[in-house]
Amino acid sequence: SLKSKSVTPCIQSNCLLNTGLWKSFDDYIFSTSALGYKEAEAVFRLKVADEEPSIWGTATVWEQNCDDDERIGSLPLSHDELRAWLHRLFLSNILPPDRDTNSLIREERASNVNLFLLTLSHCVNHLGMPAHFISSILEDLLKKKILVTKATLSNDSPAPYLGSK
């Protein structure tokens, strides 16, 4: 069971030893999540087990944050910042930056629209975001002819961490 006190559940992630591709751990996490790693810890209710995470290791260990009371009210992002993050996450999936096809090492993103929709589901089911808030995000993205957003995108690959604020 994930709630078991005897075993700490964890997830390992790595960048397939392409460690020189990213300049920092924040850049590495931002590349897929569109968040810095501290923000990603709060939003995804996970924490990095290493005191000082690094892209130079073989794997990053993410442990479950078992604080059941950690819901939307305790997130480090305001509603406007959450809206901008979800816009940025979606846009980075459908408008990825150009990649140098001649480069020996290039960023390959694991993100797609399905993962974006699963992230929206996580926001409602695990973070306690109101469904109408998520519906308004989808309305922004699907109904409007022109998206007005505070989301910032980079045309660099890999995308450097831009900060949410």
Protein backbone atom coordinates (compact mmCIF):
# COMPACT_ATOMS: atom_id res chain seq x y z
CA SER A 1 0.00 0.00 0.00
CA LEU A 2 1.21 3.51 -0.76
CA LYS A 3 0.15 4.61 2.73
CA SER A 4 2.28 1.95 4.44
CA LYS A 5 4.58 3.39 7.11
CA SER A 6 7.11 0.55 6.84
CA VAL A 7 8.08 1.25 3.20
CA THR A 8 8.50 4.65 1.62
CA PRO A 9 7.04 4.51 -1.88
CA CYS A 10 9.18 6.22 -4.47
CA ILE A 11 9.64 6.88 -8.16
CA GLN A 12 12.98 7.11 -9.90
CA SER A 13 13.59 9.36 -12.86
CA ASN A 14 16.63 10.03 -14.97
CA CYS A 15 17.67 11.81 -18.12
CA LEU A 16 19.31 8.74 -19.70
CA LEU A 17 22.73 10.07 -18.77
CA ASN A 18 22.33 13.08 -21.10
CA THR A 19 23.29 15.17 -18.12
CA GLY A 20 25.13 17.83 -20.08
CA LEU A 21 21.94 18.81 -21.87
CA TRP A 22 20.52 20.78 -18.92
CA LYS A 23 22.26 23.57 -17.03
CA SER A 24 20.46 22.93 -13.74
CA PHE A 25 18.08 20.54 -12.00
CA ASP A 26 15.32 23.16 -12.34
CA ASP A 27 15.89 23.19 -16.12
CA TYR A 28 15.67 19.38 -16.21
CA ILE A 29 12.33 19.28 -14.33
CA PHE A 30 10.98 22.33 -16.19
CA SER A 31 11.65 20.61 -19.49
CA THR A 32 8.71 18.25 -18.95
CA SER A 33 6.59 19.73 -16.15
CA ALA A 34 6.84 23.46 -16.99
CA LEU A 35 7.61 24.00 -13.28
CA GLY A 36 10.77 24.31 -11.23
CA TYR A 37 11.49 21.33 -9.03
CA LYS A 38 10.30 22.92 -5.75
CA GLU A 39 7.01 23.89 -7.40
CA ALA A 40 6.75 20.44 -8.98
CA GLU A 41 7.22 18.84 -5.54
CA ALA A 42 4.24 20.78 -4.19
CA VAL A 43 1.98 20.38 -7.20
CA PHE A 44 2.62 16.67 -7.72
CA ARG A 45 2.71 15.92 -3.97
CA LEU A 46 6.15 14.34 -4.24
CA LYS A 47 9.48 15.33 -2.77
CA VAL A 48 13.00 14.79 -4.02
CA ALA A 49 14.77 12.48 -1.60
CA ASP A 50 18.21 14.00 -2.21
CA GLU A 51 19.08 17.06 -0.16
CA GLU A 52 20.67 18.68 -3.21
CA PRO A 53 19.28 17.04 -6.34
CA SER A 54 21.52 16.97 -9.37
CA ILE A 55 21.23 16.05 -13.01
CA TRP A 56 24.67 14.47 -12.79
CA GLY A 57 23.47 11.45 -10.81
CA THR A 58 22.17 8.27 -12.41
CA ALA A 59 18.64 8.69 -11.01
CA THR A 60 16.54 11.10 -8.99
CA VAL A 61 14.42 9.51 -6.28
CA TRP A 62 11.00 11.07 -5.72
CA GLU A 63 9.13 10.08 -2.55
CA GLN A 64 5.43 10.46 -1.88
CA ASN A 65 4.51 13.42 0.27
CA CYS A 66 2.06 11.75 2.65
CA ASP A 67 0.57 14.93 4.08
CA ASP A 68 -3.10 14.35 3.22
CA ASP A 69 -3.96 17.91 4.21
CA GLU A 70 -1.73 19.39 1.52
CA ARG A 71 -4.33 20.61 -0.92
CA ILE A 72 -4.76 23.61 -3.16
CA GLY A 73 -4.69 26.09 -0.27
CA SER A 74 -1.11 25.20 0.60
CA LEU A 75 0.32 25.26 -2.92
CA PRO A 76 3.05 27.84 -3.57
CA LEU A 77 1.17 29.11 -6.64
CA SER A 78 -1.80 31.47 -6.76
CA HIS A 79 -4.80 30.75 -9.00
CA ASP A 80 -3.37 33.10 -11.65
CA GLU A 81 -0.01 31.33 -11.49
CA LEU A 82 -1.72 27.92 -11.70
CA ARG A 83 -3.64 29.12 -14.78
CA ALA A 84 -0.41 30.41 -16.38
CA TRP A 85 1.35 27.11 -15.53
CA LEU A 86 -1.39 24.99 -17.13
CA HIS A 87 -1.39 27.25 -20.20
CA ARG A 88 2.43 26.96 -20.40
CA LEU A 89 2.29 23.16 -19.97
CA PHE A 90 -0.25 22.83 -22.78
CA LEU A 91 1.52 25.26 -25.11
CA SER A 92 4.91 23.64 -24.54
CA ASN A 93 3.35 20.35 -25.67
CA ILE A 94 1.74 21.62 -28.84
CA LEU A 95 4.37 24.25 -29.72
CA PRO A 96 7.72 22.68 -28.80
CA PRO A 97 10.84 24.68 -29.64
CA ASP A 98 12.85 23.89 -32.74
CA ARG A 99 15.49 21.24 -32.20
CA ASP A 100 18.83 21.05 -33.93
CA THR A 101 18.50 17.85 -35.95
CA ASN A 102 22.27 17.74 -36.45
CA SER A 103 23.02 17.79 -32.73
CA LEU A 104 24.42 14.60 -31.21
CA ILE A 105 22.34 15.13 -28.08
CA ARG A 106 18.88 16.68 -28.18
CA GLU A 107 15.98 16.98 -25.83
CA GLU A 108 13.12 14.54 -26.32
CA ARG A 109 10.04 15.48 -24.32
CA ALA A 110 7.93 12.82 -22.70
CA SER A 111 4.92 15.12 -22.66
CA ASN A 112 1.84 14.89 -24.84
CA VAL A 113 -1.80 15.97 -24.71
CA ASN A 114 -2.78 12.78 -22.86
CA LEU A 115 -0.35 13.60 -20.04
CA PHE A 116 -1.71 17.14 -19.98
CA LEU A 117 -5.24 15.79 -19.50
CA LEU A 118 -4.00 13.42 -16.77
CA THR A 119 -2.38 16.44 -15.08
CA LEU A 120 -5.74 18.23 -15.14
CA SER A 121 -7.35 15.15 -13.57
CA HIS A 122 -4.64 15.13 -10.88
CA CYS A 123 -5.37 18.79 -10.16
CA VAL A 124 -9.04 18.00 -9.45
CA ASN A 125 -8.74 14.58 -7.79
CA HIS A 126 -5.60 15.03 -5.70
CA LEU A 127 -5.08 18.75 -5.27
CA GLY A 128 -8.70 19.66 -4.72
CA MET A 129 -8.89 22.23 -7.49
CA PRO A 130 -12.52 22.94 -8.33
CA ALA A 131 -13.68 21.26 -11.54
CA HIS A 132 -15.02 24.60 -12.79
CA PHE A 133 -11.49 26.06 -12.54
CA ILE A 134 -10.12 23.25 -14.71
CA SER A 135 -13.09 23.64 -17.08
CA SER A 136 -12.23 27.31 -17.45
CA ILE A 137 -8.63 26.33 -18.38
CA LEU A 138 -9.96 23.97 -21.06
CA GLU A 139 -12.34 26.68 -22.26
CA ASP A 140 -9.37 29.07 -22.56
CA LEU A 141 -7.50 26.54 -24.67
CA LEU A 142 -10.30 25.12 -26.81
CA LYS A 143 -12.97 27.79 -27.29
CA LYS A 144 -11.13 31.04 -27.61
CA LYS A 145 -9.68 32.04 -30.96
CA ILE A 146 -6.89 34.00 -29.27
CA LEU A 147 -5.42 32.83 -25.98
CA VAL A 148 -4.58 35.67 -23.64
CA THR A 149 -2.17 34.33 -21.03
CA LYS A 150 0.64 35.24 -18.70
CA ALA A 151 2.41 31.99 -19.58
CA THR A 152 5.96 32.47 -20.82
CA LEU A 153 7.53 30.10 -23.32
CA SER A 154 11.11 29.68 -24.42
CA ASN A 155 12.18 28.85 -27.95
CA ASP A 156 15.31 27.14 -26.63
CA SER A 157 15.73 23.39 -26.46
CA PRO A 158 15.94 22.31 -23.77
CA ALA A 159 13.78 25.07 -22.35
CA PRO A 160 15.46 26.85 -19.43
CA TYR A 161 13.52 27.25 -16.18
CA LEU A 162 11.75 30.59 -16.47
CA GLY A 163 10.15 30.67 -13.04
CA SER A 164 6.39 30.73 -12.50
CA LYS A 165 6.17 34.15 -11.00
